[in-house]
Amino acid sequence: MASVNPEPPGEDAADAATSLEPMKGRRRRWPRRTLIGVSILVVIALILGGAAWFYLGYRLNQIPRVAVKHLVTEKPNGAPINILLVGSDSRAFVGNNKKLQQQNGNPAVQTGQRSDVIIIVRLAPKTKGIEMLSIPRDTWVPIPGTGGSNRINASFNSGPSGLVSAIEQDFHIPINHYVEANFPGFSNVVSALHGVYLDFPDRVKDNNSGLHIRKTGCQLVTGGQALALVRSRDLYYYSHGQWHYDGNGDFSRIRRQQAFFHAVIRRANSEITNPIAISNFLGAATHDLVVDKSFSSSEIRNLGLGFRGVAAGSLLTEVMPTREAVYNGSDILLPDPKLDTRMVAKFLAFGSPRQKKSSKATSSTTAPTTTSLAVTGTTSVPVIDNAKNYPEPWNPTAC
């Protein structure tokens, strides 16, 4: 038998190697293509991110700015910042609109402006903590530049500089920046977020502010009703088959304002990924908010991004203690020097580095400035608006 010569050694291996080359090439190309695709997506994301960044700056640049005296330059390196938040009761926006006059008042009768809401917001960038200290509008203090005393909201009638000066002089709280929202500003900002959710244990109403909550439970509150809620000072709640008068005036209203801000934080967190809602929010801000000239767009943007996603539970709320009194037949609130000193010291310590105690250390917080008045009906117990003294179970909470 003739023998069959085997194929030369190595040819099968060579052919096999040759046949595998295209497969190797295909296997290497698809990861490269994927990598290129991912790179393109990253570039697009960066471009869109940059566009969003520039758009945010563009929008923030449109916010009106005013000159405010007596502001204190904030400390560097992430130190806490004090921002004075004011809700103006100016009726200038109403004009001759009869419906708006019915809801908000006639600008021809209610002239000038007062600060309906006075809140000092302390931001601690390093800890993402927020504390809000409310000052009741009827607190009676010396008004700088007048030689006399009045309710603190009267210092706003000549502009924001007067209110900043009054807070710094009377309570010794440095103010770094100023933010003002008028009546439609509150409403439009809430509408831009598509409303906020509040839980009402009872039906409530206030014919003076236009508030009418007709059902109980957690519900969406839109711009107009949110504004009526934060303005309400004559609230009635429905319980046990009849309407009851709140009777706590500004203190109860401050509690509702605090619930409102908690609800805004929760709602903002839920809408943070909605570009339309964010755009509407920025649009409302540019038309209805006013800030001081030193509050740059870049600082606002950095603060906003730094506190993005902060939990509503990170917001602490306080109210300046006062004593109820009657002066010339009108109800007023007198500062309580001892308690106010403690409150201010606690507020200014929020977000600041802890200092070692020393037996020789003295308090750096000065007692608030007061004035001697011939008052009647002064309460022997100071008004401290907390859950123990003012439970107010009919007021809403964020939900």
Protein backbone atom coordinates (compact mmCIF):
# COMPACT_ATOMS: atom_id res chain seq x y z
CA MET A 1 0.00 0.00 0.00
CA ALA A 2 1.16 3.31 -0.91
CA SER A 3 1.58 5.45 2.09
CA VAL A 4 -0.16 8.76 2.31
CA ASN A 5 2.20 11.54 3.14
CA PRO A 6 0.83 13.76 5.84
CA GLU A 7 0.43 17.45 5.21
CA PRO A 8 3.43 19.50 6.07
CA PRO A 9 3.54 20.20 9.74
CA GLY A 10 2.39 23.66 10.78
CA GLU A 11 0.17 24.33 7.76
CA ASP A 12 -3.06 23.59 9.64
CA ALA A 13 -1.96 25.89 12.41
CA ALA A 14 -1.09 28.58 9.88
CA ASP A 15 -4.44 28.19 8.13
CA ALA A 16 -6.21 28.26 11.46
CA ALA A 17 -4.34 31.37 12.47
CA THR A 18 -5.20 32.96 9.15
CA SER A 19 -8.87 32.12 9.55
CA LEU A 20 -8.97 33.58 13.03
CA GLU A 21 -7.60 36.98 12.08
CA PRO A 22 -10.93 38.44 10.94
CA MET A 23 -12.62 37.23 14.14
CA LYS A 24 -9.97 38.88 16.26
CA GLY A 25 -10.48 42.07 14.35
CA ARG A 26 -14.24 41.96 14.86
CA ARG A 27 -13.88 41.27 18.55
CA ARG A 28 -11.55 44.24 18.99
CA ARG A 29 -13.64 46.64 16.93
CA TRP A 30 -16.91 46.38 18.87
CA PRO A 31 -15.36 47.47 22.20
CA ARG A 32 -13.73 50.35 20.33
CA ARG A 33 -17.05 51.33 18.83
CA THR A 34 -18.73 51.13 22.23
CA LEU A 35 -15.98 53.25 23.75
CA ILE A 36 -16.37 55.82 20.98
CA GLY A 37 -20.15 55.84 21.52
CA VAL A 38 -19.76 56.35 25.23
CA SER A 39 -17.24 59.12 24.61
CA ILE A 40 -19.70 60.86 22.29
CA LEU A 41 -22.42 60.58 24.95
CA VAL A 42 -20.05 62.01 27.55
CA VAL A 43 -19.20 64.92 25.24
CA ILE A 44 -22.91 65.54 24.58
CA ALA A 45 -23.60 65.40 28.32
CA LEU A 46 -20.79 67.88 28.96
CA ILE A 47 -22.11 70.17 26.24
CA LEU A 48 -25.63 69.98 27.63
CA GLY A 49 -24.30 70.42 31.15
CA GLY A 50 -22.33 73.45 30.03
CA ALA A 51 -25.39 74.82 28.27
CA ALA A 52 -27.47 74.29 31.41
CA TRP A 53 -24.72 75.96 33.45
CA PHE A 54 -24.66 79.00 31.16
CA TYR A 55 -28.46 79.07 31.01
CA LEU A 56 -28.63 79.04 34.79
CA GLY A 57 -26.19 81.93 34.94
CA TYR A 58 -28.14 83.79 32.24
CA ARG A 59 -31.39 83.40 34.19
CA LEU A 60 -29.86 84.43 37.49
CA ASN A 61 -28.38 87.54 35.89
CA GLN A 62 -31.94 88.64 35.09
CA ILE A 63 -32.95 88.86 38.76
CA PRO A 64 -33.36 92.56 39.68
CA ARG A 65 -30.76 93.89 42.08
CA VAL A 66 -30.97 96.80 44.48
CA ALA A 67 -28.44 98.70 46.53
CA VAL A 68 -28.66 97.73 50.20
CA LYS A 69 -26.60 99.48 52.83
CA HIS A 70 -25.23 98.02 56.06
CA LEU A 71 -24.65 94.52 54.65
CA VAL A 72 -21.69 92.67 56.14
CA THR A 73 -19.23 90.88 53.85
CA GLU A 74 -19.43 87.14 54.53
CA LYS A 75 -16.43 85.26 55.82
CA PRO A 76 -14.50 83.01 53.41
CA ASN A 77 -13.88 79.25 53.36
CA GLY A 78 -17.46 78.07 53.62
CA ALA A 79 -18.41 80.06 56.72
CA PRO A 80 -22.17 80.36 57.47
CA ILE A 81 -24.11 83.07 55.64
CA ASN A 82 -27.04 85.13 56.97
CA ILE A 83 -29.64 86.04 54.34
CA LEU A 84 -32.53 88.35 55.18
CA LEU A 85 -35.67 87.04 53.48
CA VAL A 86 -38.48 89.59 53.29
CA GLY A 87 -42.02 89.24 52.04
CA SER A 88 -43.17 92.70 50.98
CA ASP A 89 -46.83 93.67 51.36
CA SER A 90 -46.56 96.37 48.69
CA ARG A 91 -49.76 96.59 46.61
CA ALA A 92 -48.05 98.35 43.70
CA PHE A 93 -48.63 95.31 41.45
CA VAL A 94 -52.42 95.52 41.95
CA GLY A 95 -53.03 98.72 39.96
CA ASN A 96 -56.67 99.20 38.98
CA ASN A 97 -57.50 95.50 38.84
CA LYS A 98 -60.68 95.16 40.92
CA LYS A 99 -60.23 91.44 41.53
CA LEU A 100 -56.66 91.91 42.74
CA GLN A 101 -57.77 94.82 44.92
CA GLN A 102 -60.40 92.61 46.53
CA GLN A 103 -57.84 89.89 47.25
CA ASN A 104 -54.83 92.02 48.21
CA GLY A 105 -55.97 95.55 49.01
CA ASN A 106 -56.17 98.88 47.20
CA PRO A 107 -52.76 100.51 46.56
CA ALA A 108 -54.40 103.95 46.77
CA VAL A 109 -55.48 103.20 50.34
CA GLN A 110 -52.69 100.86 51.52
CA THR A 111 -49.73 102.90 50.38
CA GLY A 112 -46.04 102.31 50.95
CA GLN A 113 -44.78 98.89 51.94
CA ARG A 114 -44.26 96.82 55.05
CA SER A 115 -42.38 93.57 55.58
CA ASP A 116 -45.12 90.96 55.93
CA VAL A 117 -42.49 88.24 56.43
CA ILE A 118 -39.16 88.79 58.21
CA ILE A 119 -36.94 85.73 58.27
CA ILE A 120 -33.18 85.48 58.67
CA VAL A 121 -31.96 82.36 56.88
CA ARG A 122 -28.61 81.02 58.09
CA LEU A 123 -26.93 78.69 55.61
CA ALA A 124 -24.06 76.43 56.73
CA PRO A 125 -22.43 75.24 53.47
CA LYS A 126 -20.06 72.77 55.15
CA THR A 127 -22.84 70.83 56.87
CA LYS A 128 -25.69 71.69 54.47
CA GLY A 129 -27.64 72.91 57.47
CA ILE A 130 -30.33 75.60 57.33
CA GLU A 131 -31.81 77.53 60.23
CA MET A 132 -34.54 80.14 59.88
CA LEU A 133 -35.14 82.74 62.57
CA SER A 134 -38.46 84.57 62.26
CA ILE A 135 -38.94 88.01 63.78
CA PRO A 136 -42.61 88.87 64.42
CA ARG A 137 -43.55 91.95 62.41
CA ASP A 138 -45.12 93.67 65.46
CA THR A 139 -41.93 93.54 67.53
CA TRP A 140 -41.45 97.05 68.94
CA VAL A 141 -37.87 98.31 68.55
CA PRO A 142 -35.96 101.57 68.02
CA ILE A 143 -35.99 102.47 64.32
CA PRO A 144 -32.57 103.74 63.13
CA GLY A 145 -32.52 107.28 61.79
CA THR A 146 -35.91 108.24 63.25
CA GLY A 147 -35.10 108.95 66.88
CA GLY A 148 -38.08 106.87 67.91
CA SER A 149 -39.48 103.36 68.07
CA ASN A 150 -42.09 101.46 66.09
CA ARG A 151 -42.98 98.00 64.92
CA ILE A 152 -39.95 96.51 63.18
CA ASN A 153 -41.80 96.09 59.89
CA ALA A 154 -42.18 99.87 59.73
CA SER A 155 -38.42 100.16 59.19
CA PHE A 156 -38.97 98.60 55.77
CA ASN A 157 -41.17 101.44 54.58
CA SER A 158 -38.12 103.42 53.46
CA GLY A 159 -36.52 100.39 51.82
CA PRO A 160 -34.46 97.30 52.68
CA SER A 161 -31.52 99.27 54.10
CA GLY A 162 -33.71 100.47 56.97
CA LEU A 163 -34.76 96.95 57.90
CA VAL A 164 -31.21 95.60 57.66
CA SER A 165 -29.99 98.43 59.90
CA ALA A 166 -32.78 97.80 62.44
CA ILE A 167 -31.98 94.08 62.71
CA GLU A 168 -28.25 94.69 63.06
CA GLN A 169 -28.70 97.51 65.58
CA ASP A 170 -31.52 96.04 67.66
CA PHE A 171 -30.60 92.32 67.62
CA HIS A 172 -26.91 92.43 66.66
CA ILE A 173 -27.29 89.90 63.86
CA PRO A 174 -25.03 90.63 60.85
CA ILE A 175 -26.83 90.41 57.51
CA ASN A 176 -24.75 89.27 54.51
CA HIS A 177 -27.38 89.28 51.76
CA TYR A 178 -30.93 90.39 51.10
CA VAL A 179 -33.75 88.64 49.19
CA GLU A 180 -37.23 90.08 48.71
CA ALA A 181 -40.38 88.48 47.33
CA ASN A 182 -43.59 90.41 46.74
CA PHE A 183 -47.13 89.02 46.89
CA PRO A 184 -47.19 87.61 43.34
CA GLY A 185 -43.63 86.38 43.83
CA PHE A 186 -44.70 83.86 46.46
CA SER A 187 -47.57 82.72 44.30
CA ASN A 188 -45.59 82.41 41.06
CA VAL A 189 -42.65 80.56 42.61
CA VAL A 190 -45.02 77.97 44.08
CA SER A 191 -46.87 77.68 40.77
CA ALA A 192 -43.54 77.10 39.00
CA LEU A 193 -43.06 74.06 41.27
CA HIS A 194 -46.61 72.93 40.38
CA GLY A 195 -47.72 73.56 43.96
CA VAL A 196 -46.62 72.18 47.33
CA TYR A 197 -48.08 69.40 49.47
CA LEU A 198 -49.46 70.26 52.90
CA ASP A 199 -51.44 68.16 55.37
CA PHE A 200 -54.45 69.96 56.90
CA PRO A 201 -55.95 68.34 60.03
CA ASP A 202 -58.96 70.67 59.74
CA ARG A 203 -60.62 72.79 57.11
CA VAL A 204 -59.37 76.37 57.39
CA LYS A 205 -60.29 79.75 55.99
CA ASP A 206 -59.33 83.40 56.20
CA ASN A 207 -61.62 85.78 54.35
CA ASN A 208 -59.10 88.61 54.65
CA SER A 209 -56.30 86.76 52.82
CA GLY A 210 -58.56 84.66 50.57
CA LEU A 211 -57.61 81.32 52.13
CA HIS A 212 -60.18 78.52 51.69
CA ILE A 213 -59.07 74.93 52.27
CA ARG A 214 -62.27 72.91 51.88
CA LYS A 215 -60.99 69.41 52.66
CA THR A 216 -58.65 67.79 55.17
CA GLY A 217 -55.60 65.61 54.66
CA CYS A 218 -52.46 65.82 52.53
CA GLN A 219 -53.20 67.83 49.40
CA LEU A 220 -51.63 69.91 46.66
CA VAL A 221 -51.74 73.64 47.43
CA THR A 222 -51.24 75.88 44.41
CA GLY A 223 -49.78 79.37 44.17
CA GLY A 224 -52.79 81.50 45.09
CA GLN A 225 -53.76 79.44 48.12
CA ALA A 226 -50.13 79.13 49.24
CA LEU A 227 -49.88 82.92 49.22
CA ALA A 228 -53.14 83.22 51.16
CA LEU A 229 -51.80 80.71 53.69
CA VAL A 230 -48.51 82.52 54.43
CA ARG A 231 -50.39 85.84 54.66
CA SER A 232 -53.20 84.63 56.91
CA ARG A 233 -53.42 86.35 60.31
CA ASP A 234 -57.16 85.84 60.95
CA LEU A 235 -57.51 82.12 60.43
CA TYR A 236 -60.59 80.08 61.31
CA TYR A 237 -60.57 76.28 61.54
CA TYR A 238 -63.55 73.91 61.43
CA SER A 239 -63.73 71.44 64.29
CA HIS A 240 -66.55 69.60 66.09
CA GLY A 241 -69.18 70.99 63.75
CA GLN A 242 -68.32 74.69 63.98
CA TRP A 243 -65.77 77.32 63.03
CA HIS A 244 -63.22 78.43 65.65
CA TYR A 245 -61.01 81.52 65.59
CA ASP A 246 -57.27 80.86 65.70
CA GLY A 247 -56.58 83.98 67.77
CA ASN A 248 -52.77 83.66 67.75
CA GLY A 249 -52.21 86.21 64.99
CA ASP A 250 -48.66 86.54 63.79
CA PHE A 251 -47.35 83.63 65.87
CA SER A 252 -49.70 81.16 64.21
CA ARG A 253 -48.93 82.69 60.82
CA ILE A 254 -45.20 82.19 61.39
CA ARG A 255 -45.89 78.52 62.15
CA ARG A 256 -47.71 78.23 58.80
CA GLN A 257 -44.85 79.98 57.02
CA GLN A 258 -42.42 77.47 58.52
CA ALA A 259 -44.57 74.57 57.29
CA PHE A 260 -44.68 76.24 53.87
CA PHE A 261 -40.86 76.40 53.58
CA HIS A 262 -40.54 72.75 54.62
CA ALA A 263 -43.03 71.89 51.88
CA VAL A 264 -41.12 73.97 49.30
CA ILE A 265 -37.88 72.08 50.05
CA ARG A 266 -39.63 68.72 49.64
CA ARG A 267 -41.28 69.81 46.41
CA ALA A 268 -38.09 71.29 44.99
CA ASN A 269 -36.29 68.00 45.62
CA SER A 270 -38.98 66.09 43.73
CA GLU A 271 -38.85 68.52 40.80
CA ILE A 272 -35.06 68.91 40.62
CA THR A 273 -34.81 66.53 37.62
CA ASN A 274 -37.69 68.18 35.75
CA PRO A 275 -36.08 70.72 33.37
CA ILE A 276 -39.42 72.40 32.61
CA ALA A 277 -40.18 72.93 36.29
CA ILE A 278 -36.68 74.26 36.94
CA SER A 279 -36.95 76.61 33.95
CA ASN A 280 -40.35 77.86 35.19
CA PHE A 281 -38.94 78.29 38.69
CA LEU A 282 -36.04 80.37 37.37
CA GLY A 283 -38.44 82.38 35.22
CA ALA A 284 -40.57 83.17 38.26
CA ALA A 285 -37.49 84.07 40.27
CA THR A 286 -36.25 86.54 37.68
CA HIS A 287 -39.56 88.41 37.66
CA ASP A 288 -40.69 88.26 41.26
CA LEU A 289 -37.56 88.24 43.39
CA VAL A 290 -35.16 91.06 44.23
CA VAL A 291 -31.68 90.60 45.70
CA ASP A 292 -28.93 92.93 46.82
CA LYS A 293 -26.29 94.01 44.30
CA SER A 294 -23.50 92.15 46.08
CA PHE A 295 -25.35 88.82 45.74
CA SER A 296 -23.73 87.66 42.50
CA SER A 297 -25.25 85.10 40.15
CA SER A 298 -22.26 82.81 40.64
CA GLU A 299 -22.71 82.83 44.43
CA ILE A 300 -26.44 82.14 44.13
CA ARG A 301 -25.72 79.33 41.68
CA ASN A 302 -23.05 77.77 43.88
CA LEU A 303 -25.28 77.96 46.97
CA GLY A 304 -28.15 76.40 45.03
CA LEU A 305 -26.00 73.55 43.75
CA GLY A 306 -24.37 73.08 47.14
CA PHE A 307 -27.72 72.73 48.92
CA ARG A 308 -29.37 70.74 46.13
CA GLY A 309 -31.18 67.71 47.49
CA VAL A 310 -30.97 68.83 51.12
CA ALA A 311 -33.60 67.08 53.23
CA ALA A 312 -36.51 69.06 54.65
CA GLY A 313 -35.49 67.72 58.05
CA SER A 314 -32.26 69.72 57.77
CA LEU A 315 -34.29 72.92 58.10
CA LEU A 316 -34.51 74.22 61.68
CA THR A 317 -36.96 76.99 62.55
CA GLU A 318 -36.98 79.44 65.45
CA VAL A 319 -39.00 82.49 66.49
CA MET A 320 -37.60 85.46 68.40
CA PRO A 321 -39.12 85.43 71.93
CA THR A 322 -41.26 88.46 72.83
CA ARG A 323 -43.78 89.68 75.39
CA GLU A 324 -47.27 90.81 74.46
CA ALA A 325 -48.18 94.36 75.42
CA VAL A 326 -50.55 97.22 74.60
CA TYR A 327 -49.20 100.66 73.69
CA ASN A 328 -51.53 103.58 72.93
CA GLY A 329 -54.37 101.14 72.51
CA SER A 330 -52.54 98.94 69.99
CA ASP A 331 -51.20 95.43 70.43
CA ILE A 332 -47.42 95.20 70.17
CA LEU A 333 -44.66 92.75 71.04
CA LEU A 334 -41.74 93.73 73.23
CA PRO A 335 -38.35 91.99 72.93
CA ASP A 336 -37.28 89.88 75.89
CA PRO A 337 -33.60 90.88 76.40
CA LYS A 338 -32.53 87.77 78.30
CA LEU A 339 -34.20 85.19 76.08
CA ASP A 340 -33.41 87.05 72.88
CA THR A 341 -29.73 87.17 73.78
CA ARG A 342 -29.73 83.40 74.17
CA MET A 343 -31.65 82.92 70.94
CA VAL A 344 -29.28 85.12 68.94
CA ALA A 345 -26.22 83.40 70.42
CA LYS A 346 -27.66 79.99 69.52
CA PHE A 347 -28.53 81.19 66.02
CA LEU A 348 -25.08 82.64 65.33
CA ALA A 349 -23.42 79.48 66.66
CA PHE A 350 -25.29 77.34 64.11
CA GLY A 351 -22.82 76.02 61.54
CA SER A 352 -19.85 77.73 63.19
CA PRO A 353 -16.81 75.84 64.53
CA ARG A 354 -17.20 74.91 68.16
CA GLN A 355 -15.05 76.95 70.48
CA LYS A 356 -13.42 75.56 73.60
CA LYS A 357 -15.03 76.71 76.79
CA SER A 358 -13.04 79.01 79.01
CA SER A 359 -13.73 80.16 82.54
CA LYS A 360 -12.79 83.66 81.45
CA ALA A 361 -14.89 83.62 78.29
CA THR A 362 -17.69 86.11 78.04
CA SER A 363 -20.65 86.17 75.70
CA SER A 364 -19.99 88.05 72.48
CA THR A 365 -23.69 88.50 71.90
CA THR A 366 -25.08 91.82 73.06
CA ALA A 367 -28.59 92.10 74.46
CA PRO A 368 -31.16 93.47 72.01
CA THR A 369 -31.82 97.19 72.07
CA THR A 370 -35.09 98.09 73.75
CA THR A 371 -36.97 101.24 74.58
CA SER A 372 -38.93 102.31 77.67
CA LEU A 373 -42.66 102.52 77.02
CA ALA A 374 -45.76 103.21 79.07
CA VAL A 375 -47.39 99.90 78.21
CA THR A 376 -50.34 98.00 79.63
CA GLY A 377 -51.26 94.33 79.56
CA THR A 378 -47.66 93.11 79.38
CA THR A 379 -47.47 89.35 79.72
CA SER A 380 -45.48 88.11 82.67
CA VAL A 381 -44.50 85.04 80.64
CA PRO A 382 -42.62 85.59 77.37
CA VAL A 383 -44.15 84.25 74.19
CA ILE A 384 -41.98 81.41 72.90
CA ASP A 385 -43.63 79.96 69.83
CA ASN A 386 -43.03 76.26 70.14
CA ALA A 387 -45.15 73.12 70.11
CA LYS A 388 -45.50 73.19 73.91
CA ASN A 389 -46.72 76.77 74.26
CA TYR A 390 -48.58 76.97 70.97
CA PRO A 391 -49.56 73.46 69.81
CA GLU A 392 -51.97 74.82 67.15
CA PRO A 393 -53.08 71.35 65.94
CA TRP A 394 -55.19 72.92 63.19
CA ASN A 395 -52.16 74.29 61.35
CA PRO A 396 -50.86 72.30 58.34
CA THR A 397 -47.59 70.41 58.11
CA ALA A 398 -45.50 69.45 55.09
CA CYS A 399 -46.31 66.04 53.67
